[in-house]
Amino acid sequence: MNYFPKSELTCKCGCGLCKFSPFLLKVINEIRRRLGRALIAQSACRCIPHNKAEGGEETSDHLPNEDGICEGIDLKAIHSHTRYIVISTALEYGITRIGGRYKTFIHLGIAERNPKEVIW
């Protein structure tokens, strides 16, 4: 089952970029299933201009890779239990690039171009 509508995964600038990693989609759907309630994708695919406007890094996981696939997502996670489910499930699936220092979301990234085994 896919809990995430295309609109949540598409670049927010209106350009239509929405080629999202099938593996990451599988993981976030499992996170949603385990939570048993809605989980919002705050930011997924980003084109280069939108990423720049958001203050994203030049090698952001949100940007398409050489195959045009976006490999990063920010999931809304305010409550500690939600944060625990997101992080524990991501680690279980082998995702080792996790941004958890943000107050309202957790970033999951799998882009090969970026360092692994990092949590910030």
N, C-alpha and C. Protein backbone atom coordinates (compact mmCIF):
# COMPACT_ATOMS: atom_id res chain seq x y z
N MET A 1 0.84 -1.19 0.00
CA MET A 1 0.00 0.00 0.00
C MET A 1 0.88 1.25 0.00
N ASN A 2 0.49 2.24 -0.79
CA ASN A 2 1.21 3.50 -0.81
C ASN A 2 0.39 4.55 -0.07
N TYR A 3 0.94 5.05 1.03
CA TYR A 3 0.27 6.06 1.84
C TYR A 3 0.60 7.49 1.41
N PHE A 4 1.54 7.63 0.47
CA PHE A 4 2.03 8.96 0.12
C PHE A 4 1.58 9.38 -1.27
N PRO A 5 0.70 10.39 -1.36
CA PRO A 5 0.27 10.85 -2.67
C PRO A 5 1.43 11.51 -3.42
N LYS A 6 1.36 11.44 -4.72
CA LYS A 6 2.40 12.01 -5.58
C LYS A 6 2.66 13.48 -5.23
N SER A 7 1.62 14.20 -4.83
CA SER A 7 1.78 15.62 -4.51
C SER A 7 2.74 15.85 -3.34
N GLU A 8 2.84 14.90 -2.42
CA GLU A 8 3.76 15.05 -1.29
C GLU A 8 5.20 14.78 -1.68
N LEU A 9 5.41 14.05 -2.76
CA LEU A 9 6.75 13.67 -3.18
C LEU A 9 7.30 14.57 -4.28
N THR A 10 6.43 15.37 -4.90
CA THR A 10 6.79 16.24 -6.02
C THR A 10 7.46 17.53 -5.53
N CYS A 11 8.39 18.04 -6.31
CA CYS A 11 9.05 19.31 -6.00
C CYS A 11 7.99 20.39 -5.77
N LYS A 12 8.19 21.15 -4.71
CA LYS A 12 7.19 22.15 -4.29
C LYS A 12 7.19 23.43 -5.12
N CYS A 13 8.14 23.57 -6.06
CA CYS A 13 8.19 24.80 -6.86
C CYS A 13 7.19 24.81 -8.01
N GLY A 14 6.63 23.64 -8.30
CA GLY A 14 5.67 23.55 -9.41
C GLY A 14 6.25 23.02 -10.70
N CYS A 15 7.53 22.65 -10.70
CA CYS A 15 8.18 22.15 -11.93
C CYS A 15 7.73 20.73 -12.31
N GLY A 16 7.18 20.00 -11.34
CA GLY A 16 6.67 18.66 -11.62
C GLY A 16 7.65 17.53 -11.36
N LEU A 17 8.88 17.82 -10.91
CA LEU A 17 9.86 16.78 -10.65
C LEU A 17 9.34 15.82 -9.59
N CYS A 18 9.24 14.53 -9.97
CA CYS A 18 8.74 13.53 -9.03
C CYS A 18 9.17 12.13 -9.45
N LYS A 19 10.44 11.90 -9.46
CA LYS A 19 10.95 10.55 -9.72
C LYS A 19 11.64 10.13 -8.42
N PHE A 20 10.87 9.48 -7.54
CA PHE A 20 11.31 9.19 -6.19
C PHE A 20 11.81 7.75 -6.07
N SER A 21 12.80 7.55 -5.25
CA SER A 21 13.40 6.24 -5.04
C SER A 21 12.37 5.19 -4.62
N PRO A 22 12.21 4.11 -5.38
CA PRO A 22 11.29 3.05 -4.98
C PRO A 22 11.66 2.42 -3.64
N PHE A 23 12.96 2.28 -3.37
CA PHE A 23 13.39 1.72 -2.08
C PHE A 23 12.98 2.63 -0.93
N LEU A 24 13.23 3.92 -1.07
CA LEU A 24 12.88 4.86 0.00
C LEU A 24 11.37 4.93 0.17
N LEU A 25 10.62 4.82 -0.92
CA LEU A 25 9.16 4.79 -0.83
C LEU A 25 8.70 3.57 -0.03
N LYS A 26 9.34 2.44 -0.27
CA LYS A 26 9.02 1.22 0.49
C LYS A 26 9.26 1.45 1.99
N VAL A 27 10.38 2.07 2.32
CA VAL A 27 10.73 2.31 3.73
C VAL A 27 9.74 3.27 4.38
N ILE A 28 9.42 4.38 3.73
CA ILE A 28 8.52 5.34 4.37
C ILE A 28 7.10 4.79 4.49
N ASN A 29 6.71 3.93 3.56
CA ASN A 29 5.40 3.27 3.70
C ASN A 29 5.40 2.31 4.89
N GLU A 30 6.51 1.65 5.13
CA GLU A 30 6.61 0.77 6.29
C GLU A 30 6.59 1.59 7.59
N ILE A 31 7.26 2.72 7.59
CA ILE A 31 7.22 3.61 8.75
C ILE A 31 5.78 4.03 9.03
N ARG A 32 5.08 4.42 7.99
CA ARG A 32 3.67 4.84 8.14
C ARG A 32 2.81 3.68 8.66
N ARG A 33 3.03 2.49 8.13
CA ARG A 33 2.27 1.32 8.58
C ARG A 33 2.50 1.06 10.07
N ARG A 34 3.75 1.14 10.49
CA ARG A 34 4.07 0.90 11.90
C ARG A 34 3.50 1.96 12.82
N LEU A 35 3.46 3.18 12.35
CA LEU A 35 2.88 4.26 13.16
C LEU A 35 1.37 4.08 13.33
N GLY A 36 0.72 3.61 12.28
CA GLY A 36 -0.72 3.42 12.34
C GLY A 36 -1.51 4.72 12.23
N ARG A 37 -0.87 5.75 11.77
CA ARG A 37 -1.54 7.05 11.57
C ARG A 37 -0.79 7.84 10.50
N ALA A 38 -1.37 8.94 10.11
CA ALA A 38 -0.80 9.75 9.03
C ALA A 38 0.63 10.17 9.32
N LEU A 39 1.42 10.21 8.27
CA LEU A 39 2.79 10.68 8.32
C LEU A 39 2.97 11.56 7.09
N ILE A 40 3.42 12.78 7.30
CA ILE A 40 3.51 13.76 6.22
C ILE A 40 4.93 13.89 5.70
N ALA A 41 5.06 13.82 4.38
CA ALA A 41 6.34 14.11 3.72
C ALA A 41 6.41 15.62 3.52
N GLN A 42 7.26 16.29 4.27
CA GLN A 42 7.37 17.74 4.18
C GLN A 42 8.15 18.17 2.94
N SER A 43 9.15 17.40 2.57
CA SER A 43 9.95 17.72 1.39
C SER A 43 10.55 16.42 0.87
N ALA A 44 10.43 16.21 -0.43
CA ALA A 44 11.02 15.01 -1.04
C ALA A 44 11.85 15.46 -2.24
N CYS A 45 11.34 15.29 -3.45
CA CYS A 45 12.09 15.69 -4.65
C CYS A 45 12.23 17.21 -4.71
N ARG A 46 13.42 17.64 -5.12
CA ARG A 46 13.67 19.07 -5.35
C ARG A 46 14.48 19.24 -6.62
N CYS A 47 14.08 20.22 -7.42
CA CYS A 47 14.90 20.60 -8.56
C CYS A 47 16.04 21.48 -8.02
N ILE A 48 17.04 21.72 -8.84
CA ILE A 48 18.20 22.51 -8.40
C ILE A 48 17.80 23.92 -7.94
N PRO A 49 16.98 24.66 -8.71
CA PRO A 49 16.60 26.01 -8.26
C PRO A 49 15.83 25.99 -6.93
N HIS A 50 14.91 25.04 -6.77
CA HIS A 50 14.13 24.98 -5.52
C HIS A 50 15.03 24.59 -4.34
N ASN A 51 15.93 23.66 -4.57
CA ASN A 51 16.86 23.26 -3.51
C ASN A 51 17.69 24.46 -3.06
N LYS A 52 18.15 25.24 -4.02
CA LYS A 52 18.93 26.44 -3.70
C LYS A 52 18.08 27.43 -2.90
N ALA A 53 16.84 27.62 -3.32
CA ALA A 53 15.94 28.54 -2.62
C ALA A 53 15.66 28.09 -1.18
N GLU A 54 15.68 26.77 -0.96
CA GLU A 54 15.45 26.21 0.38
C GLU A 54 16.71 26.23 1.23
N GLY A 55 17.83 26.61 0.63
CA GLY A 55 19.10 26.61 1.36
C GLY A 55 19.74 25.24 1.42
N GLY A 56 19.33 24.35 0.51
CA GLY A 56 19.87 22.99 0.49
C GLY A 56 21.30 22.93 -0.01
N GLU A 57 21.99 21.89 0.40
CA GLU A 57 23.37 21.65 -0.03
C GLU A 57 23.41 21.30 -1.52
N GLU A 58 24.53 21.57 -2.17
CA GLU A 58 24.69 21.25 -3.59
C GLU A 58 24.61 19.75 -3.86
N THR A 59 24.89 18.93 -2.85
CA THR A 59 24.83 17.48 -3.00
C THR A 59 23.63 16.90 -2.24
N SER A 60 22.63 17.70 -2.01
CA SER A 60 21.45 17.29 -1.24
C SER A 60 20.87 15.95 -1.72
N ASP A 61 20.45 15.13 -0.76
CA ASP A 61 19.77 13.88 -1.09
C ASP A 61 18.48 14.14 -1.85
N HIS A 62 17.89 15.31 -1.69
CA HIS A 62 16.62 15.66 -2.35
C HIS A 62 16.78 15.83 -3.86
N LEU A 63 17.99 16.12 -4.31
CA LEU A 63 18.23 16.35 -5.74
C LEU A 63 18.30 15.02 -6.49
N PRO A 64 17.92 15.02 -7.75
CA PRO A 64 18.00 13.79 -8.54
C PRO A 64 19.45 13.31 -8.69
N ASN A 65 19.62 11.98 -8.68
CA ASN A 65 20.94 11.42 -8.93
C ASN A 65 21.19 11.36 -10.44
N GLU A 66 22.25 10.67 -10.85
CA GLU A 66 22.58 10.61 -12.28
C GLU A 66 21.51 9.91 -13.10
N ASP A 67 20.65 9.10 -12.45
CA ASP A 67 19.53 8.44 -13.12
C ASP A 67 18.23 9.24 -13.02
N GLY A 68 18.31 10.43 -12.41
CA GLY A 68 17.14 11.29 -12.28
C GLY A 68 16.23 10.95 -11.10
N ILE A 69 16.73 10.11 -10.18
CA ILE A 69 15.91 9.67 -9.04
C ILE A 69 16.28 10.45 -7.79
N CYS A 70 15.28 10.97 -7.10
CA CYS A 70 15.47 11.70 -5.85
C CYS A 70 15.59 10.69 -4.71
N GLU A 71 16.56 10.92 -3.81
CA GLU A 71 16.87 9.94 -2.77
C GLU A 71 16.88 10.52 -1.36
N GLY A 72 16.07 11.52 -1.14
CA GLY A 72 15.98 12.10 0.19
C GLY A 72 14.57 12.54 0.50
N ILE A 73 14.22 12.51 1.80
CA ILE A 73 12.89 12.93 2.23
C ILE A 73 12.96 13.48 3.64
N ASP A 74 12.12 14.47 3.90
CA ASP A 74 11.94 15.01 5.25
C ASP A 74 10.55 14.62 5.70
N LEU A 75 10.48 13.84 6.78
CA LEU A 75 9.20 13.38 7.32
C LEU A 75 8.86 14.17 8.57
N LYS A 76 7.64 14.69 8.61
CA LYS A 76 7.20 15.44 9.78
C LYS A 76 7.24 14.51 10.99
N ALA A 77 7.97 14.92 12.01
CA ALA A 77 8.13 14.08 13.20
C ALA A 77 8.39 14.98 14.40
N ILE A 78 7.33 15.34 15.09
CA ILE A 78 7.44 16.23 16.23
C ILE A 78 7.52 15.43 17.54
N HIS A 79 6.70 14.41 17.66
CA HIS A 79 6.62 13.64 18.90
C HIS A 79 7.72 12.60 18.99
N SER A 80 8.17 12.32 20.20
CA SER A 80 9.30 11.40 20.40
C SER A 80 9.01 9.99 19.89
N HIS A 81 7.77 9.52 20.04
CA HIS A 81 7.45 8.17 19.55
C HIS A 81 7.54 8.11 18.02
N THR A 82 7.05 9.14 17.35
CA THR A 82 7.15 9.20 15.89
C THR A 82 8.62 9.20 15.48
N ARG A 83 9.42 10.01 16.15
CA ARG A 83 10.84 10.09 15.84
C ARG A 83 11.53 8.73 16.03
N TYR A 84 11.15 8.04 17.09
CA TYR A 84 11.71 6.72 17.36
C TYR A 84 11.37 5.74 16.24
N ILE A 85 10.10 5.71 15.83
CA ILE A 85 9.67 4.78 14.77
C ILE A 85 10.38 5.11 13.45
N VAL A 86 10.48 6.39 13.12
CA VAL A 86 11.16 6.79 11.87
C VAL A 86 12.62 6.33 11.90
N ILE A 87 13.33 6.66 12.96
CA ILE A 87 14.76 6.35 13.02
C ILE A 87 15.01 4.85 13.13
N SER A 88 14.27 4.16 14.00
CA SER A 88 14.52 2.72 14.17
C SER A 88 14.19 1.94 12.90
N THR A 89 13.13 2.32 12.21
CA THR A 89 12.78 1.63 10.97
C THR A 89 13.80 1.92 9.88
N ALA A 90 14.22 3.17 9.78
CA ALA A 90 15.24 3.52 8.79
C ALA A 90 16.52 2.71 9.00
N LEU A 91 16.97 2.62 10.24
CA LEU A 91 18.17 1.85 10.54
C LEU A 91 17.97 0.36 10.23
N GLU A 92 16.79 -0.16 10.54
CA GLU A 92 16.48 -1.56 10.25
C GLU A 92 16.59 -1.85 8.76
N TYR A 93 16.22 -0.88 7.92
CA TYR A 93 16.28 -1.04 6.47
C TYR A 93 17.64 -0.64 5.88
N GLY A 94 18.59 -0.32 6.75
CA GLY A 94 19.94 -0.01 6.28
C GLY A 94 20.18 1.44 5.91
N ILE A 95 19.26 2.32 6.23
CA ILE A 95 19.47 3.75 5.96
C ILE A 95 20.33 4.30 7.09
N THR A 96 21.49 4.80 6.74
CA THR A 96 22.43 5.29 7.75
C THR A 96 22.78 6.76 7.55
N ARG A 97 21.94 7.46 6.84
CA ARG A 97 22.11 8.91 6.66
C ARG A 97 20.83 9.56 7.17
N ILE A 98 20.88 10.04 8.42
CA ILE A 98 19.67 10.50 9.11
C ILE A 98 19.92 11.87 9.74
N GLY A 99 19.03 12.80 9.43
CA GLY A 99 19.09 14.12 10.04
C GLY A 99 17.98 14.23 11.07
N GLY A 100 18.35 14.23 12.34
CA GLY A 100 17.34 14.25 13.39
C GLY A 100 17.39 15.45 14.30
N ARG A 101 18.24 16.42 13.99
CA ARG A 101 18.38 17.58 14.88
C ARG A 101 17.30 18.65 14.68
N TYR A 102 16.47 18.44 13.70
CA TYR A 102 15.44 19.43 13.38
C TYR A 102 14.24 19.26 14.31
N LYS A 103 13.58 20.34 14.66
CA LYS A 103 12.47 20.29 15.61
C LYS A 103 11.20 19.66 15.03
N THR A 104 10.98 19.81 13.73
CA THR A 104 9.70 19.38 13.17
C THR A 104 9.78 18.22 12.18
N PHE A 105 10.98 17.79 11.83
CA PHE A 105 11.08 16.69 10.85
C PHE A 105 12.35 15.90 11.04
N ILE A 106 12.39 14.74 10.40
CA ILE A 106 13.59 13.91 10.32
C ILE A 106 13.89 13.70 8.85
N HIS A 107 15.15 13.87 8.51
CA HIS A 107 15.60 13.68 7.13
C HIS A 107 16.15 12.26 6.98
N LEU A 108 15.74 11.59 5.92
CA LEU A 108 16.31 10.30 5.54
C LEU A 108 16.92 10.45 4.16
N GLY A 109 18.16 9.99 3.99
CA GLY A 109 18.82 10.10 2.70
C GLY A 109 19.59 8.86 2.36
N ILE A 110 19.60 8.53 1.08
CA ILE A 110 20.31 7.34 0.61
C ILE A 110 21.20 7.63 -0.60
N ALA A 111 21.41 8.89 -0.92
CA ALA A 111 22.21 9.23 -2.11
C ALA A 111 23.64 8.71 -1.96
N GLU A 112 24.10 8.00 -2.97
CA GLU A 112 25.45 7.43 -2.96
C GLU A 112 26.53 8.51 -2.88
N ARG A 113 26.23 9.70 -3.37
CA ARG A 113 27.22 10.77 -3.41
C ARG A 113 27.52 11.36 -2.03
N ASN A 114 26.72 11.02 -1.03
CA ASN A 114 26.86 11.60 0.30
C ASN A 114 27.36 10.59 1.32
N PRO A 115 27.99 11.08 2.40
CA PRO A 115 28.52 10.19 3.44
C PRO A 115 27.44 9.31 4.06
N LYS A 116 27.84 8.11 4.45
CA LYS A 116 26.95 7.17 5.14
C LYS A 116 27.36 7.11 6.60
N GLU A 117 26.54 6.41 7.39
CA GLU A 117 26.79 6.24 8.82
C GLU A 117 26.96 7.58 9.53
N VAL A 118 26.00 8.48 9.24
CA VAL A 118 25.99 9.80 9.89
C VAL A 118 24.57 10.11 10.39
N ILE A 119 24.55 10.67 11.58
CA ILE A 119 23.29 11.17 12.15
C ILE A 119 23.60 12.57 12.65
N TRP A 120 22.81 13.52 12.21
CA TRP A 120 23.03 14.90 12.67
C TRP A 120 21.75 15.49 13.18
